[in-house]
C-alpha atoms as a PDB file:
ATOM      1  CA  UNK A   1      10.409  -7.738  26.154  1.00  0.00           C
ATOM      2  CA  UNK A   2      10.905  -4.028  25.487  1.00  0.00           C
ATOM      3  CA  UNK A   3      11.666  -2.775  22.021  1.00  0.00           C
ATOM      4  CA  UNK A   4      15.322  -2.136  21.271  1.00  0.00           C
ATOM      5  CA  UNK A   5      16.554   0.763  19.143  1.00  0.00           C
ATOM      6  CA  UNK A   6      19.631   0.882  16.928  1.00  0.00           C
ATOM      7  CA  UNK A   7      21.370   3.688  15.131  1.00  0.00           C
ATOM      8  CA  UNK A   8      20.731   3.704  11.407  1.00  0.00           C
ATOM      9  CA  UNK A   9      24.270   2.862  10.345  1.00  0.00           C
ATOM     10  CA  UNK A  10      26.589   5.775  11.025  1.00  0.00           C
ATOM     11  CA  UNK A  11      23.802   8.349  11.450  1.00  0.00           C
ATOM     12  CA  UNK A  12      22.418   9.596  14.756  1.00  0.00           C
ATOM     13  CA  UNK A  13      18.904   8.422  13.859  1.00  0.00           C
ATOM     14  CA  UNK A  14      17.582   5.560  15.982  1.00  0.00           C
ATOM     15  CA  UNK A  15      15.082   3.063  14.622  1.00  0.00           C
ATOM     16  CA  UNK A  16      13.288   0.197  16.352  1.00  0.00           C
ATOM     17  CA  UNK A  17      14.925  -3.174  15.602  1.00  0.00           C
ATOM     18  CA  UNK A  18      11.529  -4.349  14.375  1.00  0.00           C
ATOM     19  CA  UNK A  19       9.694  -2.051  11.976  1.00  0.00           C
ATOM     20  CA  UNK A  20       6.437  -2.195  10.045  1.00  0.00           C
ATOM     21  CA  UNK A  21       6.193  -2.263   6.253  1.00  0.00           C
ATOM     22  CA  UNK A  22       3.223  -1.968   3.934  1.00  0.00           C
ATOM     23  CA  UNK A  23       4.342  -3.961   0.871  1.00  0.00           C
ATOM     24  CA  UNK A  24       1.711  -6.494  -0.295  1.00  0.00           C
ATOM     25  CA  UNK A  25      -0.740  -5.824   2.546  1.00  0.00           C
ATOM     26  CA  UNK A  26      -1.702  -2.132   2.282  1.00  0.00           C
ATOM     27  CA  UNK A  27      -4.138  -1.876  -0.620  1.00  0.00           C
ATOM     28  CA  UNK A  28      -4.874  -5.475  -1.703  1.00  0.00           C
ATOM     29  CA  UNK A  29      -5.487  -6.780   1.838  1.00  0.00           C
ATOM     30  CA  UNK A  30      -5.584  -3.840   4.212  1.00  0.00           C
ATOM     31  CA  UNK A  31      -7.205  -0.400   4.284  1.00  0.00           C
ATOM     32  CA  UNK A  32      -9.226   1.739   6.663  1.00  0.00           C
ATOM     33  CA  UNK A  33      -9.696   0.453  10.216  1.00  0.00           C
ATOM     34  CA  UNK A  34      -7.693  -2.803   9.837  1.00  0.00           C
ATOM     35  CA  UNK A  35      -4.689  -0.791   8.596  1.00  0.00           C
ATOM     36  CA  UNK A  36      -5.045   1.597  11.528  1.00  0.00           C
ATOM     37  CA  UNK A  37      -5.295  -1.307  13.974  1.00  0.00           C
ATOM     38  CA  UNK A  38      -2.101  -2.920  12.669  1.00  0.00           C
ATOM     39  CA  UNK A  39      -0.202   0.380  12.742  1.00  0.00           C
ATOM     40  CA  UNK A  40      -1.461   1.139  16.255  1.00  0.00           C
ATOM     41  CA  UNK A  41      -0.461  -2.320  17.526  1.00  0.00           C
ATOM     42  CA  UNK A  42       3.049  -1.893  16.106  1.00  0.00           C
ATOM     43  CA  UNK A  43       3.391   1.640  17.495  1.00  0.00           C
ATOM     44  CA  UNK A  44       2.140   0.598  20.925  1.00  0.00           C
ATOM     45  CA  UNK A  45       4.738  -2.191  20.858  1.00  0.00           C
ATOM     46  CA  UNK A  46       7.537   0.339  20.441  1.00  0.00           C
ATOM     47  CA  UNK A  47       7.875   0.334  16.658  1.00  0.00           C
ATOM     48  CA  UNK A  48       8.939   3.788  15.447  1.00  0.00           C
ATOM     49  CA  UNK A  49       9.849   3.086  11.807  1.00  0.00           C
ATOM     50  CA  UNK A  50       7.213   2.615   9.106  1.00  0.00           C
ATOM     51  CA  UNK A  51       8.261   1.671   5.583  1.00  0.00           C
ATOM     52  CA  UNK A  52       6.420   2.455   2.347  1.00  0.00           C
ATOM     53  CA  UNK A  53       7.024   3.069  -1.359  1.00  0.00           C
ATOM     54  CA  UNK A  54       5.487   5.063  -4.160  1.00  0.00           C
ATOM     55  CA  UNK A  55       4.843   1.937  -6.226  1.00  0.00           C
ATOM     56  CA  UNK A  56       3.103  -0.137  -3.535  1.00  0.00           C
ATOM     57  CA  UNK A  57      -0.461  -0.625  -4.761  1.00  0.00           C
ATOM     58  CA  UNK A  58       0.096   2.160  -7.278  1.00  0.00           C
ATOM     59  CA  UNK A  59       0.311   4.883  -4.646  1.00  0.00           C
ATOM     60  CA  UNK A  60      -2.598   3.556  -2.572  1.00  0.00           C
ATOM     61  CA  UNK A  61      -0.313   2.200   0.133  1.00  0.00           C
ATOM     62  CA  UNK A  62       1.079   5.670   0.847  1.00  0.00           C
ATOM     63  CA  UNK A  63      -2.398   7.177   0.936  1.00  0.00           C
ATOM     64  CA  UNK A  64      -3.720   4.462   3.286  1.00  0.00           C
ATOM     65  CA  UNK A  65      -0.757   4.799   5.655  1.00  0.00           C
ATOM     66  CA  UNK A  66      -0.906   8.595   5.622  1.00  0.00           C
ATOM     67  CA  UNK A  67      -4.618   8.646   6.418  1.00  0.00           C
ATOM     68  CA  UNK A  68      -4.242   6.016   9.138  1.00  0.00           C
ATOM     69  CA  UNK A  69      -1.419   7.922  10.873  1.00  0.00           C
ATOM     70  CA  UNK A  70      -3.423  11.145  10.655  1.00  0.00           C
ATOM     71  CA  UNK A  71      -6.444   9.415  12.205  1.00  0.00           C
ATOM     72  CA  UNK A  72      -4.292   7.926  14.963  1.00  0.00           C
ATOM     73  CA  UNK A  73      -3.017  11.407  15.786  1.00  0.00           C
ATOM     74  CA  UNK A  74       0.652  10.502  16.249  1.00  0.00           C
ATOM     75  CA  UNK A  75       3.049  13.377  16.863  1.00  0.00           C
ATOM     76  CA  UNK A  76       5.320  13.738  13.827  1.00  0.00           C
ATOM     77  CA  UNK A  77       8.371  13.687  16.088  1.00  0.00           C
ATOM     78  CA  UNK A  78       7.468  10.219  17.396  1.00  0.00           C
ATOM     79  CA  UNK A  79       7.874   8.146  14.213  1.00  0.00           C
ATOM     80  CA  UNK A  80      10.231   7.620  11.298  1.00  0.00           C
ATOM     81  CA  UNK A  81       8.676   7.064   7.880  1.00  0.00           C
ATOM     82  CA  UNK A  82      10.132   6.208   4.493  1.00  0.00           C
ATOM     83  CA  UNK A  83       9.233   5.968   0.860  1.00  0.00           C
ATOM     84  CA  UNK A  84      11.034   4.591  -2.174  1.00  0.00           C
ATOM     85  CA  UNK A  85      11.209   5.904  -5.727  1.00  0.00           C
ATOM     86  CA  UNK A  86      12.022   4.234  -9.059  1.00  0.00           C
ATOM     87  CA  UNK A  87       9.165   2.282 -10.681  1.00  0.00           C
ATOM     88  CA  UNK A  88       6.837   5.275 -11.044  1.00  0.00           C
ATOM     89  CA  UNK A  89       3.040   5.286 -11.154  1.00  0.00           C
ATOM     90  CA  UNK A  90       2.530   7.411 -14.299  1.00  0.00           C
ATOM     91  CA  UNK A  91       3.225   5.847 -17.718  1.00  0.00           C
ATOM     92  CA  UNK A  92       4.943   8.825 -19.363  1.00  0.00           C
ATOM     93  CA  UNK A  93       8.492   8.693 -20.632  1.00  0.00           C
ATOM     94  CA  UNK A  94      10.843   9.919 -17.859  1.00  0.00           C
ATOM     95  CA  UNK A  95       8.376   8.799 -15.193  1.00  0.00           C
ATOM     96  CA  UNK A  96       8.885   5.008 -15.058  1.00  0.00           C
ATOM     97  CA  UNK A  97      11.837   2.791 -14.147  1.00  0.00           C
ATOM     98  CA  UNK A  98      14.204   5.697 -13.760  1.00  0.00           C
ATOM     99  CA  UNK A  99      16.269   7.694 -11.299  1.00  0.00           C
ATOM    100  CA  UNK A 100      16.669  10.777 -13.463  1.00  0.00           C
ATOM    101  CA  UNK A 101      16.435  14.225 -11.895  1.00  0.00           C
ATOM    102  CA  UNK A 102      13.054  15.080 -13.450  1.00  0.00           C
ATOM    103  CA  UNK A 103      11.359  11.975 -12.140  1.00  0.00           C
ATOM    104  CA  UNK A 104      12.887  12.086  -8.657  1.00  0.00           C
ATOM    105  CA  UNK A 105      12.110  15.765  -8.081  1.00  0.00           C
ATOM    106  CA  UNK A 106       8.462  15.276  -9.063  1.00  0.00           C
ATOM    107  CA  UNK A 107       7.919  11.827  -7.571  1.00  0.00           C
ATOM    108  CA  UNK A 108       8.844  12.930  -4.031  1.00  0.00           C
ATOM    109  CA  UNK A 109       6.176  15.647  -4.213  1.00  0.00           C
ATOM    110  CA  UNK A 110       3.547  13.062  -5.149  1.00  0.00           C
ATOM    111  CA  UNK A 111       4.592  10.770  -2.297  1.00  0.00           C
ATOM    112  CA  UNK A 112       4.456  13.593   0.255  1.00  0.00           C
ATOM    113  CA  UNK A 113       1.005  14.596  -0.986  1.00  0.00           C
ATOM    114  CA  UNK A 114      -0.336  11.040  -0.672  1.00  0.00           C
ATOM    115  CA  UNK A 115       1.240  10.578   2.779  1.00  0.00           C
ATOM    116  CA  UNK A 116      -0.038  13.987   3.890  1.00  0.00           C
ATOM    117  CA  UNK A 117       3.418  14.973   5.136  1.00  0.00           C
ATOM    118  CA  UNK A 118       5.854  17.863   4.719  1.00  0.00           C
ATOM    119  CA  UNK A 119       8.835  15.482   4.676  1.00  0.00           C
ATOM    120  CA  UNK A 120       9.797  11.805   4.939  1.00  0.00           C
ATOM    121  CA  UNK A 121      12.625  10.740   7.207  1.00  0.00           C
ATOM    122  CA  UNK A 122      14.138   8.331   4.665  1.00  0.00           C
ATOM    123  CA  UNK A 123      13.833   8.168   0.895  1.00  0.00           C
ATOM    124  CA  UNK A 124      15.351   5.324  -1.134  1.00  0.00           C
ATOM    125  CA  UNK A 125      16.271   4.807  -4.751  1.00  0.00           C
ATOM    126  CA  UNK A 126      14.130   1.663  -4.997  1.00  0.00           C
ATOM    127  CA  UNK A 127      16.351  -0.029  -7.604  1.00  0.00           C
ATOM    128  CA  UNK A 128      19.479   0.902  -9.565  1.00  0.00           C
ATOM    129  CA  UNK A 129      18.982   2.645 -12.922  1.00  0.00           C
ATOM    130  CA  UNK A 130      21.609   1.648 -15.492  1.00  0.00           C
ATOM    131  CA  UNK A 131      20.423   4.369 -17.895  1.00  0.00           C
ATOM    132  CA  UNK A 132      20.948   7.351 -15.584  1.00  0.00           C
ATOM    133  CA  UNK A 133      24.466   8.404 -14.532  1.00  0.00           C
ATOM    134  CA  UNK A 134      24.891   7.788 -10.799  1.00  0.00           C
ATOM    135  CA  UNK A 135      26.194  11.336 -10.471  1.00  0.00           C
ATOM    136  CA  UNK A 136      22.851  12.760 -11.705  1.00  0.00           C
ATOM    137  CA  UNK A 137      20.967  10.618  -9.186  1.00  0.00           C
ATOM    138  CA  UNK A 138      23.279  11.557  -6.295  1.00  0.00           C
ATOM    139  CA  UNK A 139      22.853  15.269  -6.982  1.00  0.00           C
ATOM    140  CA  UNK A 140      19.051  14.907  -7.259  1.00  0.00           C
ATOM    141  CA  UNK A 141      18.803  12.931  -3.991  1.00  0.00           C
ATOM    142  CA  UNK A 142      21.126  15.331  -2.178  1.00  0.00           C
ATOM    143  CA  UNK A 143      19.056  18.288  -3.400  1.00  0.00           C
ATOM    144  CA  UNK A 144      15.923  16.521  -2.093  1.00  0.00           C
ATOM    145  CA  UNK A 145      17.519  16.383   1.375  1.00  0.00           C
ATOM    146  CA  UNK A 146      18.720  20.012   1.133  1.00  0.00           C
ATOM    147  CA  UNK A 147      15.165  21.076   0.224  1.00  0.00           C
ATOM    148  CA  UNK A 148      13.877  19.446   3.436  1.00  0.00           C
ATOM    149  CA  UNK A 149      11.679  16.918   1.616  1.00  0.00           C
ATOM    150  CA  UNK A 150      13.661  14.042   3.157  1.00  0.00           C
ATOM    151  CA  UNK A 151      16.116  13.891   6.044  1.00  0.00           C
ATOM    152  CA  UNK A 152      18.280  11.016   4.782  1.00  0.00           C
ATOM    153  CA  UNK A 153      18.570   9.092   1.546  1.00  0.00           C
ATOM    154  CA  UNK A 154      19.664   5.615   0.593  1.00  0.00           C
ATOM    155  CA  UNK A 155      19.334   2.769  -1.842  1.00  0.00           C
ATOM    156  CA  UNK A 156      17.523  -0.537  -2.201  1.00  0.00           C
ATOM    157  CA  UNK A 157      19.032  -3.587  -3.882  1.00  0.00           C
ATOM    158  CA  UNK A 158      22.043  -1.696  -5.214  1.00  0.00           C
ATOM    159  CA  UNK A 159      25.342  -3.433  -5.696  1.00  0.00           C
ATOM    160  CA  UNK A 160      28.186  -2.654  -3.291  1.00  0.00           C
ATOM    161  CA  UNK A 161      30.137  -1.079  -6.170  1.00  0.00           C
ATOM    162  CA  UNK A 162      27.252   1.267  -7.064  1.00  0.00           C
ATOM    163  CA  UNK A 163      26.755   2.292  -3.410  1.00  0.00           C
ATOM    164  CA  UNK A 164      30.492   2.956  -3.113  1.00  0.00           C
ATOM    165  CA  UNK A 165      30.456   5.046  -6.301  1.00  0.00           C
ATOM    166  CA  UNK A 166      27.466   7.097  -5.078  1.00  0.00           C
ATOM    167  CA  UNK A 167      29.139   7.633  -1.697  1.00  0.00           C
ATOM    168  CA  UNK A 168      32.408   8.751  -3.339  1.00  0.00           C
ATOM    169  CA  UNK A 169      30.610  11.192  -5.654  1.00  0.00           C
ATOM    170  CA  UNK A 170      28.829  12.730  -2.667  1.00  0.00           C
ATOM    171  CA  UNK A 171      32.086  12.895  -0.717  1.00  0.00           C
ATOM    172  CA  UNK A 172      33.883  14.582  -3.609  1.00  0.00           C
ATOM    173  CA  UNK A 173      31.210  17.229  -4.109  1.00  0.00           C
ATOM    174  CA  UNK A 174      30.305  17.700  -0.414  1.00  0.00           C
ATOM    175  CA  UNK A 175      26.788  16.400  -1.017  1.00  0.00           C
ATOM    176  CA  UNK A 176      24.450  14.456   1.288  1.00  0.00           C
ATOM    177  CA  UNK A 177      25.717  10.872   1.184  1.00  0.00           C
ATOM    178  CA  UNK A 178      23.609   7.695   0.964  1.00  0.00           C
ATOM    179  CA  UNK A 179      23.418   6.300   4.504  1.00  0.00           C
ATOM    180  CA  UNK A 180      21.173   3.250   4.249  1.00  0.00           C
ATOM    181  CA  UNK A 181      20.518   0.263   2.005  1.00  0.00           C
ATOM    182  CA  UNK A 182      17.335  -1.831   1.982  1.00  0.00           C
ATOM    183  CA  UNK A 183      18.209  -5.350   0.781  1.00  0.00           C
ATOM    184  CA  UNK A 184      16.380  -8.622   1.045  1.00  0.00           C
ATOM    185  CA  UNK A 185      17.878 -10.622   3.930  1.00  0.00           C
ATOM    186  CA  UNK A 186      16.757 -13.839   5.533  1.00  0.00           C
ATOM    187  CA  UNK A 187      18.012 -17.337   6.355  1.00  0.00           C
ATOM    188  CA  UNK A 188      17.747 -18.329   2.689  1.00  0.00           C
ATOM    189  CA  UNK A 189      19.042 -15.085   1.167  1.00  0.00           C
ATOM    190  CA  UNK A 190      22.324 -14.007   2.758  1.00  0.00           C
ATOM    191  CA  UNK A 191      25.142 -13.297   0.298  1.00  0.00           C
ATOM    192  CA  UNK A 192      24.633  -9.595  -0.261  1.00  0.00           C
ATOM    193  CA  UNK A 193      24.353  -8.604   3.414  1.00  0.00           C
ATOM    194  CA  UNK A 194      26.978 -10.990   4.771  1.00  0.00           C
ATOM    195  CA  UNK A 195      29.531 -10.900   1.946  1.00  0.00           C
ATOM    196  CA  UNK A 196      29.060  -8.274  -0.766  1.00  0.00           C
ATOM    197  CA  UNK A 197      28.418  -5.319   1.557  1.00  0.00           C
ATOM    198  CA  UNK A 198      30.981  -6.346   4.193  1.00  0.00           C
ATOM    199  CA  UNK A 199      33.489  -3.680   3.155  1.00  0.00           C
ATOM    200  CA  UNK A 200      30.889  -0.880   3.379  1.00  0.00           C
ATOM    201  CA  UNK A 201      29.799  -1.108   7.011  1.00  0.00           C
ATOM    202  CA  UNK A 202      32.956   0.325   8.553  1.00  0.00           C
ATOM    203  CA  UNK A 203      34.098   2.529   5.667  1.00  0.00           C
ATOM    204  CA  UNK A 204      30.805   4.268   4.756  1.00  0.00           C
ATOM    205  CA  UNK A 205      28.757   3.628   7.900  1.00  0.00           C
ATOM    206  CA  UNK A 206      26.092   1.867   5.859  1.00  0.00           C
ATOM    207  CA  UNK A 207      22.903   1.036   7.767  1.00  0.00           C
ATOM    208  CA  UNK A 208      20.482  -1.723   6.746  1.00  0.00           C
ATOM    209  CA  UNK A 209      16.689  -1.790   6.840  1.00  0.00           C
ATOM    210  CA  UNK A 210      16.165  -5.345   5.642  1.00  0.00           C
ATOM    211  CA  UNK A 211      13.045  -6.690   3.949  1.00  0.00           C
ATOM    212  CA  UNK A 212      11.492 -10.151   3.622  1.00  0.00           C
ATOM    213  CA  UNK A 213      12.866 -11.704   6.843  1.00  0.00           C
ATOM    214  CA  UNK A 214      10.372 -14.540   6.290  1.00  0.00           C
ATOM    215  CA  UNK A 215      11.386 -15.096   2.618  1.00  0.00           C
ATOM    216  CA  UNK A 216       7.908 -14.071   1.402  1.00  0.00           C
ATOM    217  CA  UNK A 217       6.337 -16.414   3.968  1.00  0.00           C
ATOM    218  CA  UNK A 218       8.373 -19.516   3.135  1.00  0.00           C
ATOM    219  CA  UNK A 219      10.054 -19.398   6.548  1.00  0.00           C
ATOM    220  CA  UNK A 220       6.692 -19.507   8.360  1.00  0.00           C
ATOM    221  CA  UNK A 221       6.246 -23.119   7.273  1.00  0.00           C
ATOM    222  CA  UNK A 222       2.857 -22.375   5.736  1.00  0.00           C
ATOM    223  CA  UNK A 223       4.005 -23.617   2.310  1.00  0.00           C
ATOM    224  CA  UNK A 224       5.279 -27.025   3.423  1.00  0.00           C
ATOM    225  CA  UNK A 225       2.206 -28.705   1.941  1.00  0.00           C
ATOM    226  CA  UNK A 226       1.567 -26.422  -1.047  1.00  0.00           C
ATOM    227  CA  UNK A 227       0.059 -22.948  -1.403  1.00  0.00           C
ATOM    228  CA  UNK A 228      -2.841 -22.313   1.004  1.00  0.00           C
ATOM    229  CA  UNK A 229      -5.826 -20.182  -0.007  1.00  0.00           C
ATOM    230  CA  UNK A 230      -5.487 -16.542   1.024  1.00  0.00           C
ATOM    231  CA  UNK A 231      -1.679 -16.667   1.391  1.00  0.00           C
ATOM    232  CA  UNK A 232       0.666 -14.321  -0.439  1.00  0.00           C
ATOM    233  CA  UNK A 233       1.481 -17.084  -2.897  1.00  0.00           C
ATOM    234  CA  UNK A 234      -2.171 -17.232  -3.953  1.00  0.00           C
ATOM    235  CA  UNK A 235      -2.565 -13.477  -4.582  1.00  0.00           C
ATOM    236  CA  UNK A 236      -3.054 -12.213  -8.128  1.00  0.00           C
ATOM    237  CA  UNK A 237       0.174 -10.642  -9.369  1.00  0.00           C
ATOM    238  CA  UNK A 238       2.388 -12.810  -7.159  1.00  0.00           C
ATOM    239  CA  UNK A 239       2.423 -15.914  -9.378  1.00  0.00           C
ATOM    240  CA  UNK A 240       6.189 -15.387  -9.824  1.00  0.00           C
ATOM    241  CA  UNK A 241       6.639 -16.445  -6.196  1.00  0.00           C
ATOM    242  CA  UNK A 242       4.981 -19.846  -6.493  1.00  0.00           C
ATOM    243  CA  UNK A 243       7.970 -21.864  -7.711  1.00  0.00           C
ATOM    244  CA  UNK A 244      10.114 -20.360  -4.949  1.00  0.00           C
ATOM    245  CA  UNK A 245       7.550 -21.076  -2.236  1.00  0.00           C
ATOM    246  CA  UNK A 246       7.024 -24.705  -3.251  1.00  0.00           C
ATOM    247  CA  UNK A 247      10.702 -25.529  -3.872  1.00  0.00           C
ATOM    248  CA  UNK A 248      11.372 -28.948  -2.298  1.00  0.00           C
ATOM    249  CA  UNK A 249      14.968 -28.250  -1.215  1.00  0.00           C
ATOM    250  CA  UNK A 250      14.082 -24.996   0.520  1.00  0.00           C
ATOM    251  CA  UNK A 251      11.120 -26.573   2.266  1.00  0.00           C
ATOM    252  CA  UNK A 252      13.375 -29.400   3.478  1.00  0.00           C
ATOM    253  CA  UNK A 253      15.478 -26.715   5.191  1.00  0.00           C
ATOM    254  CA  UNK A 254      12.325 -25.178   6.685  1.00  0.00           C
ATOM    255  CA  UNK A 255      11.328 -28.583   8.138  1.00  0.00           C
ATOM    256  CA  UNK A 256      14.673 -28.803   9.937  1.00  0.00           C
ATOM    257  CA  UNK A 257      14.365 -25.228  11.219  1.00  0.00           C
ATOM    258  CA  UNK A 258      10.918 -26.095  12.564  1.00  0.00           C
ATOM    259  CA  UNK A 259      12.596 -28.521  14.962  1.00  0.00           C
ATOM    260  CA  UNK A 260      14.827 -25.751  16.323  1.00  0.00           C
ATOM    261  CA  UNK A 261      11.834 -23.418  16.741  1.00  0.00           C
ATOM    262  CA  UNK A 262       9.932 -26.123  18.609  1.00  0.00           C
ATOM    263  CA  UNK A 263      12.807 -26.625  21.030  1.00  0.00           C
ATOM    264  CA  UNK A 264      12.987 -22.870  21.678  1.00  0.00           C
ATOM    265  CA  UNK A 265       9.235 -22.655  22.207  1.00  0.00           C
ATOM    266  CA  UNK A 266       8.597 -20.194  19.407  1.00  0.00           C
ATOM    267  CA  UNK A 267       7.078 -20.165  15.946  1.00  0.00           C
ATOM    268  CA  UNK A 268       9.160 -20.568  12.793  1.00  0.00           C
ATOM    269  CA  UNK A 269       8.394 -16.952  11.893  1.00  0.00           C
ATOM    270  CA  UNK A 270       9.637 -15.695  15.250  1.00  0.00           C
ATOM    271  CA  UNK A 271      12.824 -17.726  14.859  1.00  0.00           C
ATOM    272  CA  UNK A 272      13.428 -16.289  11.393  1.00  0.00           C
ATOM    273  CA  UNK A 273      12.878 -12.691  12.509  1.00  0.00           C
ATOM    274  CA  UNK A 274      15.025 -13.082  15.633  1.00  0.00           C
ATOM    275  CA  UNK A 275      17.822 -14.602  13.520  1.00  0.00           C
ATOM    276  CA  UNK A 276      17.866 -11.429  11.369  1.00  0.00           C
ATOM    277  CA  UNK A 277      17.932  -9.209  14.486  1.00  0.00           C
ATOM    278  CA  UNK A 278      21.052 -11.073  15.678  1.00  0.00           C
ATOM    279  CA  UNK A 279      23.080  -9.578  12.815  1.00  0.00           C
ATOM    280  CA  UNK A 280      24.623  -6.380  14.282  1.00  0.00           C
ATOM    281  CA  UNK A 281      24.785  -4.742  10.844  1.00  0.00           C
ATOM    282  CA  UNK A 282      20.981  -4.857  10.572  1.00  0.00           C
ATOM    283  CA  UNK A 283      19.519  -1.576  11.846  1.00  0.00           C
ATOM    284  CA  UNK A 284      15.930  -2.797  11.596  1.00  0.00           C
ATOM    285  CA  UNK A 285      13.966  -5.814  10.355  1.00  0.00           C
ATOM    286  CA  UNK A 286      10.912  -4.758   8.337  1.00  0.00           C
ATOM    287  CA  UNK A 287       7.916  -6.955   9.189  1.00  0.00           C
ATOM    288  CA  UNK A 288       4.505  -7.034   7.572  1.00  0.00           C
ATOM    289  CA  UNK A 289       1.079  -8.084   8.770  1.00  0.00           C
ATOM    290  CA  UNK A 290      -2.448  -8.349   7.484  1.00  0.00           C
ATOM    291  CA  UNK A 291      -3.961  -8.866  10.944  1.00  0.00           C
ATOM    292  CA  UNK A 292      -3.287  -7.427  14.402  1.00  0.00           C
ATOM    293  CA  UNK A 293      -2.520 -10.945  15.691  1.00  0.00           C
ATOM    294  CA  UNK A 294       0.405 -11.127  13.261  1.00  0.00           C
ATOM    295  CA  UNK A 295       1.777  -7.825  14.565  1.00  0.00           C
ATOM    296  CA  UNK A 296       1.757  -9.201  18.114  1.00  0.00           C
ATOM    297  CA  UNK A 297       3.378 -12.457  16.991  1.00  0.00           C
ATOM    298  CA  UNK A 298       6.107 -10.542  15.160  1.00  0.00           C
ATOM    299  CA  UNK A 299       6.784  -8.338  18.189  1.00  0.00           C
ATOM    300  CA  UNK A 300       7.160 -11.441  20.353  1.00  0.00           C
ATOM    301  CA  UNK A 301      10.210 -12.350  18.225  1.00  0.00           C
ATOM    302  CA  UNK A 302      12.183 -10.033  20.501  1.00  0.00           C
ATOM    303  CA  UNK A 303      11.835 -12.609  23.273  1.00  0.00           C
ATOM    304  CA  UNK A 304      13.564 -15.189  21.082  1.00  0.00           C
ATOM    305  CA  UNK A 305      16.707 -13.144  20.371  1.00  0.00           C
ATOM    306  CA  UNK A 306      18.371 -13.955  23.699  1.00  0.00           C
ATOM    307  CA  UNK A 307      17.641 -17.651  23.169  1.00  0.00           C
ATOM    308  CA  UNK A 308      19.819 -17.619  20.057  1.00  0.00           C
ATOM    309  CA  UNK A 309      23.032 -18.541  21.814  1.00  0.00           C
ATOM    310  CA  UNK A 310      26.258 -19.258  19.925  1.00  0.00           C
ATOM    311  CA  UNK A 311      25.402 -22.950  20.088  1.00  0.00           C
ATOM    312  CA  UNK A 312      21.900 -22.454  18.619  1.00  0.00           C
ATOM    313  CA  UNK A 313      23.243 -20.129  15.913  1.00  0.00           C
ATOM    314  CA  UNK A 314      25.821 -22.764  14.978  1.00  0.00           C
ATOM    315  CA  UNK A 315      23.076 -25.380  14.689  1.00  0.00           C
ATOM    316  CA  UNK A 316      21.071 -23.075  12.436  1.00  0.00           C
ATOM    317  CA  UNK A 317      24.163 -22.346  10.375  1.00  0.00           C
ATOM    318  CA  UNK A 318      24.647 -26.092   9.791  1.00  0.00           C
ATOM    319  CA  UNK A 319      21.057 -26.401   8.521  1.00  0.00           C
ATOM    320  CA  UNK A 320      21.149 -23.454   6.151  1.00  0.00           C
ATOM    321  CA  UNK A 321      22.269 -23.931   2.528  1.00  0.00           C
END
């Protein structure tokens, strides 16, 4: 099935409904040729949006992706690329866990240098910062867009109230408004996208680039019998995920979903990704992969979307907590 493209919220920018992200994989698992191969497979499958962040692998993820894209020789006009700023990669005061003007104005330059680009298409405030006035952050992000270092800006894991406040500040001062939010969204994590943000879609034109459609791998079924060697749950630094991945109640839901996937003739992962695509407020579903085969499997999720009839969606709804 051919890739579909959706507008990013109320903007004119179109992104592929499936996109490719580098969290977890670029750096610890992927670099060099394997990274290039995964990017090339996604691009050849119609993916045009590639997601990154300053903090992923301490800046290494941006460098790996930038070098891979340069080696692949893609025309800059043919892809959309993002980065996210908040955590910082330098330990100095004003450079970690902040959205102050000093940090933001310097951090974007570091990201562009590592990516080897003159601008990113999207830049996100990677988390909210309770210590910096939202007005300061809005002005800094708007100035970043005015300077041509990013084309659009948005947020990640902000509350609806904070997004609304940022949007109103930008409206009042005729600044570049936030146009996109990047929340976690999957069959087991729904409240924010389906309830909290519901008033923002029509009023602010908010677009969504959602992450973790597979709930960190839980929705693949690979954790039904514990944590397998080499999985995300076994990686150093991801110990915090283990209780979530081995939770008995959640895995009982996954077992029921496996029956639906079997009837549809697809994998659990493909079912989970296709289910996210069905939400019309989702501009793109960010997928990850550590092998080319996973990229191809993720892309095949598009063939499952049409199988998710109202009846099937109702069955899934009845299974979900």
